[in-house]
Amino acid sequence: MTTISTSTAIGSSSSSSTSGSSSSADSSASKIASLTKQIASLNDELKDIAKDKSLTERQRTQKQESINAQIQMLQAQIKQLQQQESEKAQQKQEKKDVAEIKADGVNRPTGTNQINVYV
C-alpha cells in the first residue's frame, strides 16, 4: 500500500514590500517553480495509484480525490502568486507613468506657475 505524504504551505505566502522588485520576482518565480514540481510529483503519484492493483476501488478513489484536492490547492497558490506579480508590475508601471508626466512649469504648468487667459 502506498503512503501519501505531502507538505503544502497553505496561506503562508509572504510578500515583502522592498524597492527592489527583482528579488521578489525571483522569489515568486522560485516559489512557482517549487509548486510546479510538487504538482508534477503528485501527478506521478496519481499514475502510480492507477497502476496499483493492491488497492480496492474505494481506496484508489479516495487517494485520487485527495491528491486532486492537493493539486487544486497548489494551482490556486500559483495563481495567487502570479496575480501578486501582475499587480506589482501594474503598480510599478503606474508609478512610472505618473513620474513621466511631471509638471515643469513651462509647457505643463504647476500649481504656482499657471497662466489663465480669458478671451
PDB file of N, CA and C in Angstrom:
ATOM      1  N   MET A   1       0.845  -1.169   0.000  1.00  0.00           N
ATOM      2  CA  MET A   1       0.000   0.000   0.000  1.00  0.00           C
ATOM      3  C   MET A   1       0.892   1.234   0.000  1.00  0.00           C
ATOM      4  N   THR A   2       0.515   2.232  -0.759  1.00  0.00           N
ATOM      5  CA  THR A   2       1.302   3.442  -0.905  1.00  0.00           C
ATOM      6  C   THR A   2       0.857   4.472   0.119  1.00  0.00           C
ATOM      7  N   THR A   3       1.809   5.084   0.790  1.00  0.00           N
ATOM      8  CA  THR A   3       1.509   6.137   1.746  1.00  0.00           C
ATOM      9  C   THR A   3       1.765   7.476   1.086  1.00  0.00           C
ATOM     10  N   ILE A   4       0.807   8.348   1.188  1.00  0.00           N
ATOM     11  CA  ILE A   4       0.926   9.669   0.577  1.00  0.00           C
ATOM     12  C   ILE A   4       1.283  10.673   1.660  1.00  0.00           C
ATOM     13  N   SER A   5       2.389  11.336   1.457  1.00  0.00           N
ATOM     14  CA  SER A   5       2.750  12.381   2.406  1.00  0.00           C
ATOM     15  C   SER A   5       3.262  13.584   1.617  1.00  0.00           C
ATOM     16  N   THR A   6       2.580  14.675   1.800  1.00  0.00           N
ATOM     17  CA  THR A   6       3.000  15.909   1.134  1.00  0.00           C
ATOM     18  C   THR A   6       2.974  17.025   2.144  1.00  0.00           C
ATOM     19  N   SER A   7       3.784  18.008   1.888  1.00  0.00           N
ATOM     20  CA  SER A   7       3.778  19.174   2.766  1.00  0.00           C
ATOM     21  C   SER A   7       3.474  20.395   1.924  1.00  0.00           C
ATOM     22  N   THR A   8       2.295  20.926   2.145  1.00  0.00           N
ATOM     23  CA  THR A   8       1.915  22.136   1.430  1.00  0.00           C
ATOM     24  C   THR A   8       1.699  23.236   2.437  1.00  0.00           C
ATOM     25  N   ALA A   9       2.190  24.396   2.106  1.00  0.00           N
ATOM     26  CA  ALA A   9       2.037  25.550   2.983  1.00  0.00           C
ATOM     27  C   ALA A   9       0.900  26.400   2.447  1.00  0.00           C
ATOM     28  N   ILE A  10      -0.262  26.205   3.003  1.00  0.00           N
ATOM     29  CA  ILE A  10      -1.429  26.942   2.555  1.00  0.00           C
ATOM     30  C   ILE A  10      -1.513  28.241   3.337  1.00  0.00           C
ATOM     31  N   GLY A  11      -1.661  29.321   2.600  1.00  0.00           N
ATOM     32  CA  GLY A  11      -1.797  30.613   3.244  1.00  0.00           C
ATOM     33  C   GLY A  11      -0.509  31.126   3.846  1.00  0.00           C
ATOM     34  N   SER A  12       0.612  30.606   3.435  1.00  0.00           N
ATOM     35  CA  SER A  12       1.864  31.061   4.012  1.00  0.00           C
ATOM     36  C   SER A  12       2.667  31.884   3.021  1.00  0.00           C
ATOM     37  N   SER A  13       1.981  32.423   2.033  1.00  0.00           N
ATOM     38  CA  SER A  13       2.707  33.240   1.074  1.00  0.00           C
ATOM     39  C   SER A  13       3.024  34.578   1.718  1.00  0.00           C
ATOM     40  N   SER A  14       4.287  34.906   1.696  1.00  0.00           N
ATOM     41  CA  SER A  14       4.704  36.157   2.307  1.00  0.00           C
ATOM     42  C   SER A  14       5.081  37.130   1.214  1.00  0.00           C
ATOM     43  N   SER A  15       4.720  38.375   1.436  1.00  0.00           N
ATOM     44  CA  SER A  15       5.071  39.384   0.446  1.00  0.00           C
ATOM     45  C   SER A  15       5.898  40.444   1.137  1.00  0.00           C
ATOM     46  N   SER A  16       6.957  40.820   0.477  1.00  0.00           N
ATOM     47  CA  SER A  16       7.814  41.848   1.033  1.00  0.00           C
ATOM     48  C   SER A  16       7.702  43.083   0.176  1.00  0.00           C
ATOM     49  N   SER A  17       7.628  44.223   0.812  1.00  0.00           N
ATOM     50  CA  SER A  17       7.485  45.469   0.074  1.00  0.00           C
ATOM     51  C   SER A  17       8.823  46.182   0.041  1.00  0.00           C
ATOM     52  N   THR A  18       9.712  45.646  -0.752  1.00  0.00           N
ATOM     53  CA  THR A  18      11.010  46.261  -0.902  1.00  0.00           C
ATOM     54  C   THR A  18      11.041  47.018  -2.208  1.00  0.00           C
ATOM     55  N   SER A  19      11.982  47.935  -2.312  1.00  0.00           N
ATOM     56  CA  SER A  19      12.063  48.722  -3.528  1.00  0.00           C
ATOM     57  C   SER A  19      12.646  47.919  -4.668  1.00  0.00           C
ATOM     58  N   GLY A  20      13.421  46.900  -4.385  1.00  0.00           N
ATOM     59  CA  GLY A  20      13.984  46.057  -5.431  1.00  0.00           C
ATOM     60  C   GLY A  20      13.022  44.961  -5.788  1.00  0.00           C
ATOM     61  N   SER A  21      12.264  45.136  -6.841  1.00  0.00           N
ATOM     62  CA  SER A  21      11.245  44.159  -7.194  1.00  0.00           C
ATOM     63  C   SER A  21      11.839  42.940  -7.867  1.00  0.00           C
ATOM     64  N   SER A  22      13.079  43.004  -8.306  1.00  0.00           N
ATOM     65  CA  SER A  22      13.661  41.844  -8.962  1.00  0.00           C
ATOM     66  C   SER A  22      13.868  40.706  -7.972  1.00  0.00           C
ATOM     67  N   SER A  23      14.215  41.010  -6.735  1.00  0.00           N
ATOM     68  CA  SER A  23      14.398  39.943  -5.752  1.00  0.00           C
ATOM     69  C   SER A  23      13.068  39.299  -5.399  1.00  0.00           C
ATOM     70  N   SER A  24      11.994  40.084  -5.311  1.00  0.00           N
ATOM     71  CA  SER A  24      10.695  39.500  -5.023  1.00  0.00           C
ATOM     72  C   SER A  24      10.176  38.733  -6.230  1.00  0.00           C
ATOM     73  N   ALA A  25      10.521  39.194  -7.438  1.00  0.00           N
ATOM     74  CA  ALA A  25      10.122  38.462  -8.633  1.00  0.00           C
ATOM     75  C   ALA A  25      10.851  37.128  -8.693  1.00  0.00           C
ATOM     76  N   ASP A  26      12.144  37.137  -8.342  1.00  0.00           N
ATOM     77  CA  ASP A  26      12.900  35.891  -8.301  1.00  0.00           C
ATOM     78  C   ASP A  26      12.324  34.960  -7.248  1.00  0.00           C
ATOM     79  N   SER A  27      11.949  35.528  -6.112  1.00  0.00           N
ATOM     80  CA  SER A  27      11.372  34.738  -5.033  1.00  0.00           C
ATOM     81  C   SER A  27      10.058  34.107  -5.485  1.00  0.00           C
ATOM     82  N   SER A  28       9.217  34.897  -6.134  1.00  0.00           N
ATOM     83  CA  SER A  28       7.943  34.369  -6.620  1.00  0.00           C
ATOM     84  C   SER A  28       8.171  33.320  -7.689  1.00  0.00           C
ATOM     85  N   ALA A  29       9.130  33.563  -8.558  1.00  0.00           N
ATOM     86  CA  ALA A  29       9.420  32.596  -9.612  1.00  0.00           C
ATOM     87  C   ALA A  29       9.908  31.280  -9.016  1.00  0.00           C
ATOM     88  N   SER A  30      10.732  31.361  -7.982  1.00  0.00           N
ATOM     89  CA  SER A  30      11.212  30.131  -7.355  1.00  0.00           C
ATOM     90  C   SER A  30      10.082  29.416  -6.612  1.00  0.00           C
ATOM     91  N   LYS A  31       9.187  30.183  -6.000  1.00  0.00           N
ATOM     92  CA  LYS A  31       8.037  29.563  -5.332  1.00  0.00           C
ATOM     93  C   LYS A  31       7.140  28.865  -6.347  1.00  0.00           C
ATOM     94  N   ILE A  32       6.916  29.524  -7.484  1.00  0.00           N
ATOM     95  CA  ILE A  32       6.082  28.935  -8.523  1.00  0.00           C
ATOM     96  C   ILE A  32       6.733  27.668  -9.067  1.00  0.00           C
ATOM     97  N   ALA A  33       8.043  27.720  -9.258  1.00  0.00           N
ATOM     98  CA  ALA A  33       8.760  26.530  -9.742  1.00  0.00           C
ATOM     99  C   ALA A  33       8.644  25.386  -8.741  1.00  0.00           C
ATOM    100  N   SER A  34       8.778  25.700  -7.464  1.00  0.00           N
ATOM    101  CA  SER A  34       8.658  24.683  -6.430  1.00  0.00           C
ATOM    102  C   SER A  34       7.254  24.074  -6.416  1.00  0.00           C
ATOM    103  N   LEU A  35       6.246  24.921  -6.514  1.00  0.00           N
ATOM    104  CA  LEU A  35       4.873  24.428  -6.525  1.00  0.00           C
ATOM    105  C   LEU A  35       4.608  23.575  -7.763  1.00  0.00           C
ATOM    106  N   THR A  36       5.183  23.964  -8.884  1.00  0.00           N
ATOM    107  CA  THR A  36       5.016  23.200 -10.112  1.00  0.00           C
ATOM    108  C   THR A  36       5.654  21.816  -9.981  1.00  0.00           C
ATOM    109  N   LYS A  37       6.814  21.753  -9.319  1.00  0.00           N
ATOM    110  CA  LYS A  37       7.455  20.460  -9.085  1.00  0.00           C
ATOM    111  C   LYS A  37       6.590  19.583  -8.192  1.00  0.00           C
ATOM    112  N   GLN A  38       5.971  20.197  -7.179  1.00  0.00           N
ATOM    113  CA  GLN A  38       5.093  19.431  -6.294  1.00  0.00           C
ATOM    114  C   GLN A  38       3.904  18.872  -7.076  1.00  0.00           C
ATOM    115  N   ILE A  39       3.367  19.682  -7.985  1.00  0.00           N
ATOM    116  CA  ILE A  39       2.240  19.225  -8.805  1.00  0.00           C
ATOM    117  C   ILE A  39       2.672  18.058  -9.684  1.00  0.00           C
ATOM    118  N   ALA A  40       3.872  18.157 -10.254  1.00  0.00           N
ATOM    119  CA  ALA A  40       4.377  17.071 -11.102  1.00  0.00           C
ATOM    120  C   ALA A  40       4.532  15.780 -10.299  1.00  0.00           C
ATOM    121  N   SER A  41       5.045  15.887  -9.075  1.00  0.00           N
ATOM    122  CA  SER A  41       5.209  14.675  -8.261  1.00  0.00           C
ATOM    123  C   SER A  41       3.852  14.099  -7.861  1.00  0.00           C
ATOM    124  N   LEU A  42       2.873  14.965  -7.611  1.00  0.00           N
ATOM    125  CA  LEU A  42       1.531  14.466  -7.287  1.00  0.00           C
ATOM    126  C   LEU A  42       0.895  13.790  -8.500  1.00  0.00           C
ATOM    127  N   ASN A  43       1.155  14.336  -9.690  1.00  0.00           N
ATOM    128  CA  ASN A  43       0.653  13.679 -10.901  1.00  0.00           C
ATOM    129  C   ASN A  43       1.284  12.305 -11.083  1.00  0.00           C
ATOM    130  N   ASP A  44       2.563  12.195 -10.743  1.00  0.00           N
ATOM    131  CA  ASP A  44       3.224  10.889 -10.803  1.00  0.00           C
ATOM    132  C   ASP A  44       2.581   9.917  -9.817  1.00  0.00           C
ATOM    133  N   GLU A  45       2.251  10.428  -8.630  1.00  0.00           N
ATOM    134  CA  GLU A  45       1.588   9.576  -7.636  1.00  0.00           C
ATOM    135  C   GLU A  45       0.221   9.111  -8.150  1.00  0.00           C
ATOM    136  N   LEU A  46      -0.481  10.005  -8.848  1.00  0.00           N
ATOM    137  CA  LEU A  46      -1.774   9.613  -9.418  1.00  0.00           C
ATOM    138  C   LEU A  46      -1.607   8.466 -10.411  1.00  0.00           C
ATOM    139  N   LYS A  47      -0.561   8.550 -11.220  1.00  0.00           N
ATOM    140  CA  LYS A  47      -0.304   7.479 -12.180  1.00  0.00           C
ATOM    141  C   LYS A  47       0.010   6.170 -11.460  1.00  0.00           C
ATOM    142  N   ASP A  48       0.799   6.271 -10.378  1.00  0.00           N
ATOM    143  CA  ASP A  48       1.150   5.077  -9.613  1.00  0.00           C
ATOM    144  C   ASP A  48      -0.078   4.453  -8.964  1.00  0.00           C
ATOM    145  N   ILE A  49      -0.969   5.284  -8.474  1.00  0.00           N
ATOM    146  CA  ILE A  49      -2.184   4.779  -7.832  1.00  0.00           C
ATOM    147  C   ILE A  49      -3.051   4.051  -8.848  1.00  0.00           C
ATOM    148  N   ALA A  50      -3.122   4.596 -10.050  1.00  0.00           N
ATOM    149  CA  ALA A  50      -3.936   3.960 -11.087  1.00  0.00           C
ATOM    150  C   ALA A  50      -3.390   2.582 -11.438  1.00  0.00           C
ATOM    151  N   LYS A  51      -2.078   2.387 -11.334  1.00  0.00           N
ATOM    152  CA  LYS A  51      -1.449   1.100 -11.666  1.00  0.00           C
ATOM    153  C   LYS A  51      -1.435   0.126 -10.491  1.00  0.00           C
ATOM    154  N   ASP A  52      -1.636   0.642  -9.269  1.00  0.00           N
ATOM    155  CA  ASP A  52      -1.530  -0.185  -8.069  1.00  0.00           C
ATOM    156  C   ASP A  52      -2.732  -1.132  -7.981  1.00  0.00           C
ATOM    157  N   LYS A  53      -2.462  -2.422  -8.078  1.00  0.00           N
ATOM    158  CA  LYS A  53      -3.526  -3.432  -8.051  1.00  0.00           C
ATOM    159  C   LYS A  53      -3.863  -3.891  -6.641  1.00  0.00           C
ATOM    160  N   SER A  54      -3.048  -3.483  -5.654  1.00  0.00           N
ATOM    161  CA  SER A  54      -3.305  -3.932  -4.286  1.00  0.00           C
ATOM    162  C   SER A  54      -4.384  -3.097  -3.595  1.00  0.00           C
ATOM    163  N   LEU A  55      -4.775  -2.009  -4.190  1.00  0.00           N
ATOM    164  CA  LEU A  55      -5.794  -1.148  -3.593  1.00  0.00           C
ATOM    165  C   LEU A  55      -7.183  -1.545  -4.078  1.00  0.00           C
ATOM    166  N   THR A  56      -8.135  -1.364  -3.180  1.00  0.00           N
ATOM    167  CA  THR A  56      -9.515  -1.558  -3.609  1.00  0.00           C
ATOM    168  C   THR A  56      -9.936  -0.324  -4.405  1.00  0.00           C
ATOM    169  N   GLU A  57     -11.035  -0.445  -5.088  1.00  0.00           N
ATOM    170  CA  GLU A  57     -11.518   0.680  -5.900  1.00  0.00           C
ATOM    171  C   GLU A  57     -11.829   1.895  -5.021  1.00  0.00           C
ATOM    172  N   ARG A  58     -12.373   1.625  -3.846  1.00  0.00           N
ATOM    173  CA  ARG A  58     -12.716   2.725  -2.937  1.00  0.00           C
ATOM    174  C   ARG A  58     -11.452   3.440  -2.444  1.00  0.00           C
ATOM    175  N   GLN A  59     -10.432   2.662  -2.055  1.00  0.00           N
ATOM    176  CA  GLN A  59      -9.174   3.264  -1.594  1.00  0.00           C
ATOM    177  C   GLN A  59      -8.524   4.077  -2.719  1.00  0.00           C
ATOM    178  N   ARG A  60      -8.545   3.522  -3.914  1.00  0.00           N
ATOM    179  CA  ARG A  60      -7.959   4.197  -5.057  1.00  0.00           C
ATOM    180  C   ARG A  60      -8.678   5.531  -5.315  1.00  0.00           C
ATOM    181  N   THR A  61      -9.994   5.499  -5.251  1.00  0.00           N
ATOM    182  CA  THR A  61     -10.783   6.710  -5.483  1.00  0.00           C
ATOM    183  C   THR A  61     -10.508   7.752  -4.413  1.00  0.00           C
ATOM    184  N   GLN A  62     -10.438   7.322  -3.162  1.00  0.00           N
ATOM    185  CA  GLN A  62     -10.171   8.254  -2.064  1.00  0.00           C
ATOM    186  C   GLN A  62      -8.800   8.911  -2.223  1.00  0.00           C
ATOM    187  N   LYS A  63      -7.799   8.119  -2.553  1.00  0.00           N
ATOM    188  CA  LYS A  63      -6.456   8.664  -2.718  1.00  0.00           C
ATOM    189  C   LYS A  63      -6.390   9.607  -3.914  1.00  0.00           C
ATOM    190  N   GLN A  64      -7.061   9.241  -4.985  1.00  0.00           N
ATOM    191  CA  GLN A  64      -7.071  10.108  -6.161  1.00  0.00           C
ATOM    192  C   GLN A  64      -7.757  11.435  -5.863  1.00  0.00           C
ATOM    193  N   GLU A  65      -8.865  11.394  -5.128  1.00  0.00           N
ATOM    194  CA  GLU A  65      -9.563  12.623  -4.767  1.00  0.00           C
ATOM    195  C   GLU A  65      -8.695  13.493  -3.861  1.00  0.00           C
ATOM    196  N   SER A  66      -8.001  12.855  -2.929  1.00  0.00           N
ATOM    197  CA  SER A  66      -7.119  13.595  -2.026  1.00  0.00           C
ATOM    198  C   SER A  66      -5.998  14.286  -2.799  1.00  0.00           C
ATOM    199  N   ILE A  67      -5.386  13.554  -3.709  1.00  0.00           N
ATOM    200  CA  ILE A  67      -4.289  14.127  -4.497  1.00  0.00           C
ATOM    201  C   ILE A  67      -4.809  15.219  -5.421  1.00  0.00           C
ATOM    202  N   ASN A  68      -5.977  15.009  -6.011  1.00  0.00           N
ATOM    203  CA  ASN A  68      -6.556  16.041  -6.871  1.00  0.00           C
ATOM    204  C   ASN A  68      -6.846  17.321  -6.081  1.00  0.00           C
ATOM    205  N   ALA A  69      -7.297  17.175  -4.849  1.00  0.00           N
ATOM    206  CA  ALA A  69      -7.546  18.346  -3.999  1.00  0.00           C
ATOM    207  C   ALA A  69      -6.236  19.085  -3.698  1.00  0.00           C
ATOM    208  N   GLN A  70      -5.171  18.316  -3.441  1.00  0.00           N
ATOM    209  CA  GLN A  70      -3.870  18.935  -3.184  1.00  0.00           C
ATOM    210  C   GLN A  70      -3.368  19.670  -4.431  1.00  0.00           C
ATOM    211  N   ILE A  71      -3.574  19.065  -5.584  1.00  0.00           N
ATOM    212  CA  ILE A  71      -3.153  19.706  -6.834  1.00  0.00           C
ATOM    213  C   ILE A  71      -3.921  21.004  -7.041  1.00  0.00           C
ATOM    214  N   GLN A  72      -5.203  20.997  -6.762  1.00  0.00           N
ATOM    215  CA  GLN A  72      -6.013  22.210  -6.919  1.00  0.00           C
ATOM    216  C   GLN A  72      -5.543  23.306  -5.975  1.00  0.00           C
ATOM    217  N   MET A  73      -5.168  22.940  -4.742  1.00  0.00           N
ATOM    218  CA  MET A  73      -4.666  23.936  -3.798  1.00  0.00           C
ATOM    219  C   MET A  73      -3.345  24.531  -4.289  1.00  0.00           C
ATOM    220  N   LEU A  74      -2.480  23.695  -4.814  1.00  0.00           N
ATOM    221  CA  LEU A  74      -1.198  24.172  -5.331  1.00  0.00           C
ATOM    222  C   LEU A  74      -1.407  25.076  -6.540  1.00  0.00           C
ATOM    223  N   GLN A  75      -2.346  24.710  -7.404  1.00  0.00           N
ATOM    224  CA  GLN A  75      -2.642  25.549  -8.555  1.00  0.00           C
ATOM    225  C   GLN A  75      -3.209  26.899  -8.122  1.00  0.00           C
ATOM    226  N   ALA A  76      -4.009  26.909  -7.065  1.00  0.00           N
ATOM    227  CA  ALA A  76      -4.551  28.159  -6.545  1.00  0.00           C
ATOM    228  C   ALA A  76      -3.427  29.037  -5.987  1.00  0.00           C
ATOM    229  N   GLN A  77      -2.444  28.417  -5.337  1.00  0.00           N
ATOM    230  CA  GLN A  77      -1.296  29.178  -4.825  1.00  0.00           C
ATOM    231  C   GLN A  77      -0.502  29.776  -5.974  1.00  0.00           C
ATOM    232  N   ILE A  78      -0.312  29.010  -7.033  1.00  0.00           N
ATOM    233  CA  ILE A  78       0.413  29.522  -8.199  1.00  0.00           C
ATOM    234  C   ILE A  78      -0.338  30.702  -8.798  1.00  0.00           C
ATOM    235  N   LYS A  79      -1.639  30.564  -8.925  1.00  0.00           N
ATOM    236  CA  LYS A  79      -2.456  31.648  -9.480  1.00  0.00           C
ATOM    237  C   LYS A  79      -2.358  32.896  -8.610  1.00  0.00           C
ATOM    238  N   GLN A  80      -2.362  32.724  -7.293  1.00  0.00           N
ATOM    239  CA  GLN A  80      -2.255  33.854  -6.378  1.00  0.00           C
ATOM    240  C   GLN A  80      -0.899  34.544  -6.524  1.00  0.00           C
ATOM    241  N   LEU A  81       0.167  33.769  -6.629  1.00  0.00           N
ATOM    242  CA  LEU A  81       1.496  34.355  -6.808  1.00  0.00           C
ATOM    243  C   LEU A  81       1.597  35.111  -8.130  1.00  0.00           C
ATOM    244  N   GLN A  82       1.027  34.544  -9.180  1.00  0.00           N
ATOM    245  CA  GLN A  82       1.052  35.217 -10.474  1.00  0.00           C
ATOM    246  C   GLN A  82       0.247  36.507 -10.433  1.00  0.00           C
ATOM    247  N   GLN A  83      -0.876  36.487  -9.725  1.00  0.00           N
ATOM    248  CA  GLN A  83      -1.702  37.683  -9.602  1.00  0.00           C
ATOM    249  C   GLN A  83      -0.963  38.764  -8.819  1.00  0.00           C
ATOM    250  N   GLN A  84      -0.257  38.379  -7.755  1.00  0.00           N
ATOM    251  CA  GLN A  84       0.520  39.347  -6.988  1.00  0.00           C
ATOM    252  C   GLN A  84       1.609  39.970  -7.848  1.00  0.00           C
ATOM    253  N   GLU A  85       2.254  39.165  -8.654  1.00  0.00           N
ATOM    254  CA  GLU A  85       3.304  39.679  -9.535  1.00  0.00           C
ATOM    255  C   GLU A  85       2.737  40.648 -10.568  1.00  0.00           C
ATOM    256  N   SER A  86       1.568  40.318 -11.119  1.00  0.00           N
ATOM    257  CA  SER A  86       0.980  41.218 -12.111  1.00  0.00           C
ATOM    258  C   SER A  86       0.534  42.528 -11.456  1.00  0.00           C
ATOM    259  N   GLU A  87       0.043  42.458 -10.218  1.00  0.00           N
ATOM    260  CA  GLU A  87      -0.335  43.677  -9.504  1.00  0.00           C
ATOM    261  C   GLU A  87       0.884  44.543  -9.221  1.00  0.00           C
ATOM    262  N   LYS A  88       1.988  43.908  -8.829  1.00  0.00           N
ATOM    263  CA  LYS A  88       3.223  44.659  -8.584  1.00  0.00           C
ATOM    264  C   LYS A  88       3.715  45.326  -9.861  1.00  0.00           C
ATOM    265  N   ALA A  89       3.648  44.599 -10.962  1.00  0.00           N
ATOM    266  CA  ALA A  89       4.088  45.163 -12.241  1.00  0.00           C
ATOM    267  C   ALA A  89       3.189  46.311 -12.654  1.00  0.00           C
ATOM    268  N   GLN A  90       1.893  46.187 -12.410  1.00  0.00           N
ATOM    269  CA  GLN A  90       0.958  47.250 -12.754  1.00  0.00           C
ATOM    270  C   GLN A  90       1.215  48.491 -11.895  1.00  0.00           C
ATOM    271  N   GLN A  91       1.454  48.303 -10.600  1.00  0.00           N
ATOM    272  CA  GLN A  91       1.749  49.430  -9.723  1.00  0.00           C
ATOM    273  C   GLN A  91       3.036  50.115 -10.134  1.00  0.00           C
ATOM    274  N   LYS A  92       4.030  49.327 -10.511  1.00  0.00           N
ATOM    275  CA  LYS A  92       5.297  49.887 -10.953  1.00  0.00           C
ATOM    276  C   LYS A  92       5.103  50.705 -12.223  1.00  0.00           C
ATOM    277  N   GLN A  93       4.276  50.206 -13.148  1.00  0.00           N
ATOM    278  CA  GLN A  93       4.011  50.929 -14.388  1.00  0.00           C
ATOM    279  C   GLN A  93       3.249  52.219 -14.099  1.00  0.00           C
ATOM    280  N   GLU A  94       2.293  52.175 -13.175  1.00  0.00           N
ATOM    281  CA  GLU A  94       1.541  53.376 -12.824  1.00  0.00           C
ATOM    282  C   GLU A  94       2.458  54.435 -12.220  1.00  0.00           C
ATOM    283  N   LYS A  95       3.391  54.024 -11.365  1.00  0.00           N
ATOM    284  CA  LYS A  95       4.335  54.967 -10.784  1.00  0.00           C
ATOM    285  C   LYS A  95       5.215  55.577 -11.865  1.00  0.00           C
ATOM    286  N   LYS A  96       5.603  54.761 -12.824  1.00  0.00           N
ATOM    287  CA  LYS A  96       6.443  55.236 -13.922  1.00  0.00           C
ATOM    288  C   LYS A  96       5.668  56.242 -14.770  1.00  0.00           C
ATOM    289  N   ASP A  97       4.389  55.958 -15.039  1.00  0.00           N
ATOM    290  CA  ASP A  97       3.565  56.862 -15.834  1.00  0.00           C
ATOM    291  C   ASP A  97       3.384  58.203 -15.134  1.00  0.00           C
ATOM    292  N   VAL A  98       3.179  58.173 -13.824  1.00  0.00           N
ATOM    293  CA  VAL A  98       3.000  59.403 -13.056  1.00  0.00           C
ATOM    294  C   VAL A  98       4.293  60.212 -13.062  1.00  0.00           C
ATOM    295  N   ALA A  99       5.416  59.554 -12.960  1.00  0.00           N
ATOM    296  CA  ALA A  99       6.700  60.242 -12.945  1.00  0.00           C
ATOM    297  C   ALA A  99       6.998  60.886 -14.298  1.00  0.00           C
ATOM    298  N   GLU A 100       6.529  60.303 -15.379  1.00  0.00           N
ATOM    299  CA  GLU A 100       6.777  60.845 -16.707  1.00  0.00           C
ATOM    300  C   GLU A 100       5.981  62.123 -16.959  1.00  0.00           C
ATOM    301  N   ILE A 101       4.848  62.290 -16.318  1.00  0.00           N
ATOM    302  CA  ILE A 101       4.007  63.457 -16.531  1.00  0.00           C
ATOM    303  C   ILE A 101       4.324  64.493 -15.458  1.00  0.00           C
ATOM    304  N   LYS A 102       5.551  64.802 -15.302  1.00  0.00           N
ATOM    305  CA  LYS A 102       5.999  65.746 -14.295  1.00  0.00           C
ATOM    306  C   LYS A 102       5.786  67.171 -14.807  1.00  0.00           C
ATOM    307  N   ALA A 103       5.161  67.992 -14.016  1.00  0.00           N
ATOM    308  CA  ALA A 103       4.937  69.385 -14.387  1.00  0.00           C
ATOM    309  C   ALA A 103       6.241  70.155 -14.260  1.00  0.00           C
ATOM    310  N   ASP A 104       6.616  70.842 -15.323  1.00  0.00           N
ATOM    311  CA  ASP A 104       7.865  71.586 -15.302  1.00  0.00           C
ATOM    312  C   ASP A 104       7.647  73.094 -15.305  1.00  0.00           C
ATOM    313  N   GLY A 105       6.408  73.557 -15.395  1.00  0.00           N
ATOM    314  CA  GLY A 105       6.129  74.986 -15.325  1.00  0.00           C
ATOM    315  C   GLY A 105       6.207  75.701 -16.653  1.00  0.00           C
ATOM    316  N   VAL A 106       6.670  75.067 -17.706  1.00  0.00           N
ATOM    317  CA  VAL A 106       6.764  75.729 -18.996  1.00  0.00           C
ATOM    318  C   VAL A 106       5.601  75.295 -19.872  1.00  0.00           C
ATOM    319  N   ASN A 107       5.645  74.096 -20.347  1.00  0.00           N
ATOM    320  CA  ASN A 107       4.566  73.591 -21.185  1.00  0.00           C
ATOM    321  C   ASN A 107       3.499  72.857 -20.373  1.00  0.00           C
ATOM    322  N   ARG A 108       3.862  72.410 -19.230  1.00  0.00           N
ATOM    323  CA  ARG A 108       2.922  71.756 -18.323  1.00  0.00           C
ATOM    324  C   ARG A 108       2.965  72.542 -17.017  1.00  0.00           C
ATOM    325  N   PRO A 109       1.979  73.392 -16.793  1.00  0.00           N
ATOM    326  CA  PRO A 109       2.026  74.307 -15.651  1.00  0.00           C
ATOM    327  C   PRO A 109       1.916  73.599 -14.311  1.00  0.00           C
ATOM    328  N   THR A 110       2.611  74.163 -13.340  1.00  0.00           N
ATOM    329  CA  THR A 110       2.498  73.703 -11.962  1.00  0.00           C
ATOM    330  C   THR A 110       1.404  74.505 -11.287  1.00  0.00           C
ATOM    331  N   GLY A 111       1.126  74.205 -10.048  1.00  0.00           N
ATOM    332  CA  GLY A 111       0.094  74.924  -9.322  1.00  0.00           C
ATOM    333  C   GLY A 111       0.434  76.390  -9.107  1.00  0.00           C
ATOM    334  N   THR A 112       1.701  76.718  -8.996  1.00  0.00           N
ATOM    335  CA  THR A 112       2.108  78.111  -8.767  1.00  0.00           C
ATOM    336  C   THR A 112       2.527  78.817 -10.039  1.00  0.00           C
ATOM    337  N   ASN A 113       2.589  78.112 -11.142  1.00  0.00           N
ATOM    338  CA  ASN A 113       3.052  78.708 -12.395  1.00  0.00           C
ATOM    339  C   ASN A 113       2.020  78.423 -13.480  1.00  0.00           C
ATOM    340  N   GLN A 114       0.873  79.148 -13.393  1.00  0.00           N
ATOM    341  CA  GLN A 114      -0.188  78.975 -14.388  1.00  0.00           C
ATOM    342  C   GLN A 114      -0.565  80.319 -14.970  1.00  0.00           C
ATOM    343  N   ILE A 115      -0.959  80.284 -16.189  1.00  0.00           N
ATOM    344  CA  ILE A 115      -1.463  81.499 -16.831  1.00  0.00           C
ATOM    345  C   ILE A 115      -2.901  81.234 -17.219  1.00  0.00           C
ATOM    346  N   ASN A 116      -3.764  82.082 -16.750  1.00  0.00           N
ATOM    347  CA  ASN A 116      -5.167  81.986 -17.118  1.00  0.00           C
ATOM    348  C   ASN A 116      -5.459  83.061 -18.143  1.00  0.00           C
ATOM    349  N   VAL A 117      -5.871  82.674 -19.306  1.00  0.00           N
ATOM    350  CA  VAL A 117      -6.161  83.624 -20.379  1.00  0.00           C
ATOM    351  C   VAL A 117      -7.653  83.536 -20.674  1.00  0.00           C
ATOM    352  N   TYR A 118      -8.282  84.672 -20.571  1.00  0.00           N
ATOM    353  CA  TYR A 118      -9.713  84.739 -20.869  1.00  0.00           C
ATOM    354  C   TYR A 118      -9.886  85.609 -22.095  1.00  0.00           C
ATOM    355  N   VAL A 119     -10.634  85.181 -23.067  1.00  0.00           N
ATOM    356  CA  VAL A 119     -10.857  85.958 -24.292  1.00  0.00           C
ATOM    357  C   VAL A 119     -12.297  86.315 -24.398  1.00  0.00           C
TER     358      VAL A 119
END
